[in-house]
Amino acid sequence: MSTADTAFNENASSNLKDVKFSILELAPIRDDGTAKDALENAKRLAQHAEKLGYHRLWVAEHHNMKGIASSATSVLLGYLAANTSTLRLGSGGIMLPNHAPLVVAEQFGTLATLYPDRIDLGLGRAPGTDQITMRALRRGRFETEEQFPQDVSEILTYFDDAKAGQQIIAVPGQGSKVPVYLLGSSLFSAQLAARLGLPYAFASHFAPRMMMQAIALYRENFQASAYLDKPYVIIGVPSLVAESDEEAKYLATTNYQRILALFRGQPTNLVPPVASMDGLWSEVEKRGVEGFFGVEQTGSKETVKHGLEELLQRTQADEFIFTCDVYDPEKRLKSFELLKQIQGESQ
């Protein structure tokens, strides 16, 4: 086992009470439902998360993707904020190449003005969509991923107090100090977050391969800043908790079918679970889906508790942000309830 695959501190705590539990929402659309149903379910999940004591709920930006209703991320966040009272809400993330930094600062500055001390801005470097859709979003703008550091710095300027002679001011937004998080699935954003002294969220919920290397790079190169005095690591964790391992594995087939369809270039809405995936995927496709869910925690409370303790020992993460796509909305809410019970019952 390489150094990057081992814990950074052999004496690190594996007590789940020491890590924050949060949720990443994509507003999934069922095959027998509508986008409105998905947005209503997102509202219910946010209210459920607030009641259960989750730290935050973030919404992911995706475009032209069948089955996901979270494309207008800041608009959805306003809806969720209006229907909750204390839960932190944010983007996980805004895909910055798709947007002008000033517009992002104004949108999130407005949210922060309306809902003080509750709004986060997570920023991603990739467009998060296909090339045709990317061009439709940009409408002639020639932004590239290489401009990401400059765009992040521009947004930080808008959220800071205005400087003498500053020609462009975000209204609302200027001086709002909205917390900014950098998201990534490779090493680039880890390096940038370390250099800027910003918290870092790794997208291990869909791309876990470079997780340990990225976390190590971030921690080793972190420079304290006005935003953060020490590294702060969030990792994405696909999860599904049920009354038994068998039930959880059955319910998880909904998500396996979704990712399989995505791999085939045929995105789909959420579909009902199946008794077995045998015959639905080839061996190569099975390995691909399993790689996608490399840090997945699925099973009974006991099984997931053990898996999360191992993951925490391995990564020393400050926060887990959980994804969970279940066909039955009630069972999805139940999964998050059982997940929070795991944390509460940890010794």
Protein backbone atom coordinates (compact mmCIF):
# COMPACT_ATOMS: atom_id res chain seq x y z
CA MET A 1 0.00 0.00 0.00
CA SER A 2 1.41 3.39 -0.99
CA THR A 3 1.82 6.34 1.34
CA ALA A 4 -1.02 8.12 -0.41
CA ASP A 5 -3.35 5.25 0.49
CA THR A 6 -2.63 5.31 4.21
CA ALA A 7 -3.81 7.60 6.97
CA PHE A 8 -1.87 10.80 7.51
CA ASN A 9 -1.76 10.19 11.24
CA GLU A 10 -1.84 6.69 12.65
CA ASN A 11 -3.47 8.07 15.81
CA ALA A 12 -6.21 9.98 14.00
CA SER A 13 -9.69 9.67 15.47
CA SER A 14 -12.23 7.47 13.71
CA ASN A 15 -15.11 8.78 15.82
CA LEU A 16 -17.83 9.90 13.45
CA LYS A 17 -18.92 12.55 15.95
CA ASP A 18 -15.74 14.41 15.02
CA VAL A 19 -16.78 14.92 11.39
CA LYS A 20 -19.61 17.04 10.00
CA PHE A 21 -22.39 15.29 8.07
CA SER A 22 -23.83 17.13 5.05
CA ILE A 23 -25.86 16.38 1.91
CA LEU A 24 -25.32 16.95 -1.81
CA GLU A 25 -28.58 17.22 -3.78
CA LEU A 26 -29.08 16.84 -7.54
CA ALA A 27 -32.90 16.97 -7.50
CA PRO A 28 -33.30 13.62 -9.30
CA ILE A 29 -36.38 13.13 -11.50
CA ARG A 30 -38.19 9.78 -11.35
CA ASP A 31 -39.33 8.01 -14.49
CA ASP A 32 -42.96 8.47 -13.36
CA GLY A 33 -42.45 12.00 -12.04
CA THR A 34 -41.78 15.55 -13.16
CA ALA A 35 -39.16 18.21 -12.57
CA LYS A 36 -41.61 19.91 -10.23
CA ASP A 37 -41.86 16.71 -8.19
CA ALA A 38 -38.07 16.59 -8.00
CA LEU A 39 -37.84 20.18 -6.77
CA GLU A 40 -40.54 19.52 -4.17
CA ASN A 41 -38.60 16.46 -3.02
CA ALA A 42 -35.47 18.64 -2.74
CA LYS A 43 -37.43 20.98 -0.48
CA ARG A 44 -38.59 18.07 1.67
CA LEU A 45 -35.04 16.77 1.91
CA ALA A 46 -33.74 20.18 2.98
CA GLN A 47 -36.41 20.43 5.66
CA HIS A 48 -35.65 16.87 6.76
CA ALA A 49 -31.92 17.61 6.89
CA GLU A 50 -32.53 20.70 9.01
CA LYS A 51 -34.68 18.74 11.45
CA LEU A 52 -32.11 15.94 11.71
CA GLY A 53 -29.23 18.34 12.34
CA TYR A 54 -27.20 17.99 9.13
CA HIS A 55 -24.54 20.66 8.81
CA ARG A 56 -25.36 21.84 5.28
CA LEU A 57 -27.03 20.92 2.01
CA TRP A 58 -25.42 21.78 -1.31
CA VAL A 59 -26.98 21.69 -4.77
CA ALA A 60 -25.02 20.55 -7.83
CA GLU A 61 -25.11 22.30 -11.21
CA HIS A 62 -25.80 20.11 -14.25
CA HIS A 63 -27.15 21.06 -17.67
CA ASN A 64 -28.87 19.15 -20.46
CA MET A 65 -28.87 16.01 -18.33
CA LYS A 66 -32.03 13.98 -18.28
CA GLY A 67 -33.08 13.11 -14.76
CA ILE A 68 -31.48 16.06 -12.93
CA ALA A 69 -33.48 19.21 -12.11
CA SER A 70 -30.81 21.33 -10.40
CA SER A 71 -29.60 23.30 -13.44
CA ALA A 72 -30.68 26.73 -12.13
CA THR A 73 -28.66 26.23 -8.97
CA SER A 74 -28.92 29.66 -7.37
CA VAL A 75 -32.68 29.81 -8.04
CA LEU A 76 -33.18 26.43 -6.39
CA LEU A 77 -31.07 27.52 -3.41
CA GLY A 78 -33.34 30.53 -2.94
CA TYR A 79 -36.36 28.21 -2.90
CA LEU A 80 -34.75 25.91 -0.35
CA ALA A 81 -33.62 28.79 1.82
CA ALA A 82 -37.13 30.27 1.83
CA ASN A 83 -38.50 26.95 3.08
CA THR A 84 -35.93 26.34 5.84
CA SER A 85 -34.71 28.40 8.77
CA THR A 86 -31.23 27.41 9.93
CA LEU A 87 -29.72 24.90 7.49
CA ARG A 88 -26.62 26.08 5.61
CA LEU A 89 -27.18 25.96 1.85
CA GLY A 90 -24.82 26.31 -1.05
CA SER A 91 -23.58 25.15 -4.42
CA GLY A 92 -21.69 21.96 -4.88
CA GLY A 93 -20.89 23.55 -7.13
CA ILE A 94 -21.30 26.40 -9.51
CA MET A 95 -19.35 25.40 -12.63
CA LEU A 96 -17.45 28.63 -13.07
CA PRO A 97 -16.54 28.34 -16.79
CA ASN A 98 -20.28 28.62 -17.49
CA HIS A 99 -20.70 31.95 -15.69
CA ALA A 100 -19.30 35.45 -15.47
CA PRO A 101 -17.73 35.90 -11.99
CA LEU A 102 -19.63 39.14 -11.38
CA VAL A 103 -22.97 37.45 -12.01
CA VAL A 104 -22.08 34.63 -9.61
CA ALA A 105 -21.05 37.15 -6.95
CA GLU A 106 -24.28 39.10 -7.39
CA GLN A 107 -26.44 35.97 -7.22
CA PHE A 108 -24.81 34.58 -4.12
CA GLY A 109 -24.45 38.03 -2.60
CA THR A 110 -28.21 38.40 -3.00
CA LEU A 111 -28.80 35.01 -1.35
CA ALA A 112 -26.46 35.93 1.50
CA THR A 113 -28.25 39.26 1.95
CA LEU A 114 -31.63 37.55 2.16
CA TYR A 115 -30.40 34.61 4.28
CA PRO A 116 -27.44 35.86 6.37
CA ASP A 117 -24.81 33.37 7.56
CA ARG A 118 -26.48 30.49 5.72
CA ILE A 119 -25.05 30.61 2.17
CA ASP A 120 -21.91 28.89 0.79
CA LEU A 121 -20.40 29.12 -2.68
CA GLY A 122 -18.70 25.97 -3.92
CA LEU A 123 -16.90 26.47 -7.24
CA GLY A 124 -15.99 23.86 -9.85
CA ARG A 125 -13.48 24.17 -12.68
CA ALA A 126 -15.13 21.92 -15.27
CA PRO A 127 -18.21 22.92 -17.32
CA GLY A 128 -20.10 19.87 -16.07
CA THR A 129 -21.82 19.19 -19.37
CA ASP A 130 -21.24 18.27 -23.01
CA GLN A 131 -19.54 20.47 -25.61
CA ILE A 132 -22.74 21.51 -27.41
CA THR A 133 -24.43 22.54 -24.18
CA MET A 134 -21.28 24.30 -23.02
CA ARG A 135 -21.35 26.48 -26.14
CA ALA A 136 -25.06 27.20 -25.60
CA LEU A 137 -24.33 28.32 -22.05
CA ARG A 138 -21.41 30.56 -22.97
CA ARG A 139 -22.95 32.16 -26.09
CA GLY A 140 -19.68 33.27 -27.62
CA ARG A 141 -17.67 33.64 -24.42
CA PHE A 142 -14.32 31.90 -24.79
CA GLU A 143 -13.68 30.97 -21.17
CA THR A 144 -11.38 28.03 -20.54
CA GLU A 145 -10.67 25.95 -17.47
CA GLU A 146 -7.24 27.59 -17.32
CA GLN A 147 -8.94 30.88 -16.39
CA PHE A 148 -10.37 29.31 -13.24
CA PRO A 149 -7.76 30.76 -10.81
CA GLN A 150 -8.32 34.26 -12.17
CA ASP A 151 -12.11 33.89 -11.95
CA VAL A 152 -11.94 32.58 -8.37
CA SER A 153 -9.77 35.53 -7.34
CA GLU A 154 -12.24 37.91 -8.98
CA ILE A 155 -15.14 36.46 -7.01
CA LEU A 156 -13.17 36.68 -3.77
CA THR A 157 -12.57 40.36 -4.53
CA TYR A 158 -16.30 40.94 -4.96
CA PHE A 159 -17.10 39.29 -1.63
CA ASP A 160 -14.42 41.29 0.20
CA ASP A 161 -14.76 44.88 1.34
CA ALA A 162 -14.49 47.29 -1.57
CA LYS A 163 -11.04 48.73 -2.21
CA ALA A 164 -10.25 52.33 -3.01
CA GLY A 165 -10.57 52.86 -6.74
CA GLN A 166 -12.38 49.56 -7.34
CA GLN A 167 -14.32 50.13 -10.55
CA ILE A 168 -16.72 47.18 -10.42
CA ILE A 169 -18.71 46.42 -7.27
CA ALA A 170 -21.08 43.49 -6.76
CA VAL A 171 -24.41 44.83 -5.47
CA PRO A 172 -25.52 42.89 -3.47
CA GLY A 173 -22.39 40.89 -2.70
CA GLN A 174 -19.59 43.33 -1.98
CA GLY A 175 -18.39 42.83 1.58
CA SER A 176 -20.74 39.88 2.15
CA LYS A 177 -17.85 37.49 2.95
CA VAL A 178 -19.71 34.53 1.45
CA PRO A 179 -17.58 31.43 2.24
CA VAL A 180 -15.95 30.05 -0.91
CA TYR A 181 -15.03 26.38 -1.34
CA LEU A 182 -13.09 24.86 -4.22
CA LEU A 183 -14.33 21.58 -5.65
CA GLY A 184 -12.38 19.12 -7.73
CA SER A 185 -11.86 15.55 -8.90
CA SER A 186 -8.17 15.94 -9.79
CA LEU A 187 -5.09 17.70 -8.45
CA PHE A 188 -5.56 21.14 -10.01
CA SER A 189 -8.15 22.53 -7.60
CA ALA A 190 -6.37 20.90 -4.65
CA GLN A 191 -3.26 22.94 -5.48
CA LEU A 192 -5.24 26.14 -6.01
CA ALA A 193 -7.23 25.72 -2.77
CA ALA A 194 -3.97 25.18 -0.89
CA ARG A 195 -2.37 28.27 -2.41
CA LEU A 196 -5.39 30.51 -1.73
CA GLY A 197 -6.01 29.07 1.74
CA LEU A 198 -9.56 27.94 0.92
CA PRO A 199 -11.47 24.83 2.03
CA TYR A 200 -11.38 21.95 -0.46
CA ALA A 201 -14.06 19.44 -1.43
CA PHE A 202 -13.07 16.35 -3.39
CA ALA A 203 -15.66 14.78 -5.71
CA SER A 204 -15.05 11.23 -4.52
CA HIS A 205 -18.79 10.53 -4.87
CA PHE A 206 -18.18 10.00 -8.59
CA ALA A 207 -14.39 10.14 -9.18
CA PRO A 208 -12.59 8.58 -6.20
CA ARG A 209 -9.42 7.47 -7.98
CA MET A 210 -7.23 10.45 -7.05
CA MET A 211 -8.85 11.19 -3.70
CA MET A 212 -5.94 10.40 -1.39
CA GLN A 213 -3.36 12.04 -3.64
CA ALA A 214 -5.41 15.23 -3.92
CA ILE A 215 -6.05 15.42 -0.16
CA ALA A 216 -2.37 14.90 0.61
CA LEU A 217 -1.33 17.55 -1.93
CA TYR A 218 -3.81 20.03 -0.48
CA ARG A 219 -2.74 19.48 3.12
CA GLU A 220 0.98 19.49 2.41
CA ASN A 221 0.85 22.76 0.47
CA PHE A 222 -1.83 24.64 2.41
CA GLN A 223 -1.10 28.30 3.15
CA ALA A 224 -3.07 29.93 5.95
CA SER A 225 -5.16 32.88 4.78
CA ALA A 226 -7.75 35.39 5.88
CA TYR A 227 -10.33 32.75 4.96
CA LEU A 228 -8.92 29.72 6.76
CA ASP A 229 -6.11 29.07 9.24
CA LYS A 230 -5.71 25.34 8.58
CA PRO A 231 -6.75 22.85 5.88
CA TYR A 232 -10.40 21.84 5.70
CA VAL A 233 -11.31 18.74 3.66
CA ILE A 234 -14.76 17.65 2.50
CA ILE A 235 -15.19 14.37 0.63
CA GLY A 236 -18.24 13.22 -1.32
CA VAL A 237 -19.65 9.87 -0.23
CA PRO A 238 -22.40 7.93 -2.04
CA SER A 239 -24.51 6.36 0.70
CA LEU A 240 -27.63 4.32 1.19
CA VAL A 241 -28.69 3.05 4.61
CA ALA A 242 -31.60 0.66 5.08
CA GLU A 243 -32.85 -1.77 7.70
CA SER A 244 -30.69 -4.55 6.25
CA ASP A 245 -27.78 -5.02 3.88
CA GLU A 246 -30.05 -6.86 1.48
CA GLU A 247 -32.59 -4.04 1.29
CA ALA A 248 -29.88 -1.42 0.82
CA LYS A 249 -28.24 -3.39 -1.99
CA TYR A 250 -31.63 -3.78 -3.67
CA LEU A 251 -32.44 -0.06 -3.43
CA ALA A 252 -28.94 0.84 -4.70
CA THR A 253 -29.65 -0.77 -8.07
CA THR A 254 -31.60 2.36 -9.01
CA ASN A 255 -28.40 4.37 -8.87
CA TYR A 256 -26.36 1.66 -10.60
CA GLN A 257 -28.82 1.72 -13.50
CA ARG A 258 -28.58 5.52 -13.67
CA ILE A 259 -24.79 5.53 -13.89
CA LEU A 260 -24.78 2.61 -16.33
CA ALA A 261 -27.08 4.59 -18.62
CA LEU A 262 -24.80 7.61 -18.26
CA PHE A 263 -21.77 5.51 -19.25
CA ARG A 264 -23.66 4.40 -22.34
CA GLY A 265 -24.42 7.99 -23.29
CA GLN A 266 -28.11 7.47 -22.58
CA PRO A 267 -28.91 9.49 -19.41
CA THR A 268 -32.17 8.48 -17.83
CA ASN A 269 -34.53 9.42 -15.06
CA LEU A 270 -34.47 7.44 -11.84
CA VAL A 271 -35.89 3.98 -12.47
CA PRO A 272 -37.20 1.38 -10.01
CA PRO A 273 -34.71 -0.97 -8.33
CA VAL A 274 -34.25 -4.48 -9.66
CA ALA A 275 -33.61 -7.79 -7.93
CA SER A 276 -30.29 -8.21 -9.72
CA MET A 277 -28.06 -6.27 -12.11
CA ASP A 278 -26.99 -9.52 -13.76
CA GLY A 279 -27.82 -9.34 -17.43
CA LEU A 280 -28.15 -5.55 -17.37
CA TRP A 281 -24.43 -4.83 -17.58
CA SER A 282 -21.34 -6.43 -19.00
CA GLU A 283 -18.33 -7.26 -16.84
CA VAL A 284 -16.52 -4.19 -18.15
CA GLU A 285 -19.51 -1.97 -17.40
CA LYS A 286 -19.85 -3.49 -13.94
CA ARG A 287 -16.24 -2.65 -13.14
CA GLY A 288 -16.76 0.88 -14.44
CA VAL A 289 -19.80 1.45 -12.23
CA GLU A 290 -18.03 -0.08 -9.25
CA GLY A 291 -15.11 2.30 -9.85
CA PHE A 292 -17.51 5.23 -9.94
CA PHE A 293 -18.80 4.17 -6.52
CA GLY A 294 -15.37 3.43 -5.08
CA VAL A 295 -16.11 5.03 -1.67
CA GLU A 296 -19.79 4.04 -1.59
CA GLN A 297 -21.26 3.18 1.81
CA THR A 298 -24.34 1.01 1.35
CA GLY A 299 -25.94 -1.36 3.82
CA SER A 300 -27.41 -1.58 7.28
CA LYS A 301 -26.49 0.92 9.99
CA GLU A 302 -23.84 -1.45 11.32
CA THR A 303 -22.28 -1.99 7.89
CA VAL A 304 -22.24 1.68 6.98
CA LYS A 305 -20.93 2.70 10.40
CA HIS A 306 -17.97 0.38 9.99
CA GLY A 307 -17.31 1.63 6.46
CA LEU A 308 -17.48 5.28 7.44
CA GLU A 309 -15.14 4.77 10.38
CA GLU A 310 -12.60 3.19 8.03
CA LEU A 311 -13.04 6.01 5.52
CA LEU A 312 -12.58 8.62 8.23
CA GLN A 313 -9.47 6.91 9.57
CA ARG A 314 -8.07 6.76 6.06
CA THR A 315 -8.84 10.33 4.98
CA GLN A 316 -9.12 12.29 8.25
CA ALA A 317 -11.82 14.30 6.49
CA ASP A 318 -13.37 17.24 8.30
CA GLU A 319 -16.71 16.67 6.60
CA PHE A 320 -18.59 13.99 4.68
CA ILE A 321 -21.07 15.24 2.10
CA PHE A 322 -23.43 12.42 1.19
CA THR A 323 -25.29 11.69 -2.03
CA CYS A 324 -28.22 9.29 -2.06
CA ASP A 325 -30.48 8.55 -4.99
CA VAL A 326 -33.34 6.21 -4.11
CA TYR A 327 -36.41 5.64 -6.25
CA ASP A 328 -38.84 5.90 -3.32
CA PRO A 329 -38.58 9.43 -1.84
CA GLU A 330 -39.69 8.16 1.57
CA LYS A 331 -36.94 5.56 1.67
CA ARG A 332 -34.46 8.26 0.68
CA LEU A 333 -35.51 10.38 3.64
CA LYS A 334 -35.28 7.30 5.84
CA SER A 335 -31.75 6.60 4.61
CA PHE A 336 -30.59 10.06 5.68
CA GLU A 337 -32.34 9.59 9.02
CA LEU A 338 -30.55 6.29 9.64
CA LEU A 339 -27.28 7.84 8.50
CA LYS A 340 -27.58 10.62 11.09
CA GLN A 341 -28.42 8.00 13.72
CA ILE A 342 -25.11 6.31 12.96
CA GLN A 343 -23.28 9.50 13.83
CA GLY A 344 -25.34 10.08 16.96
CA GLU A 345 -24.71 6.55 18.22
CA SER A 346 -20.94 6.64 17.61
CA GLN A 347 -18.76 6.27 20.70
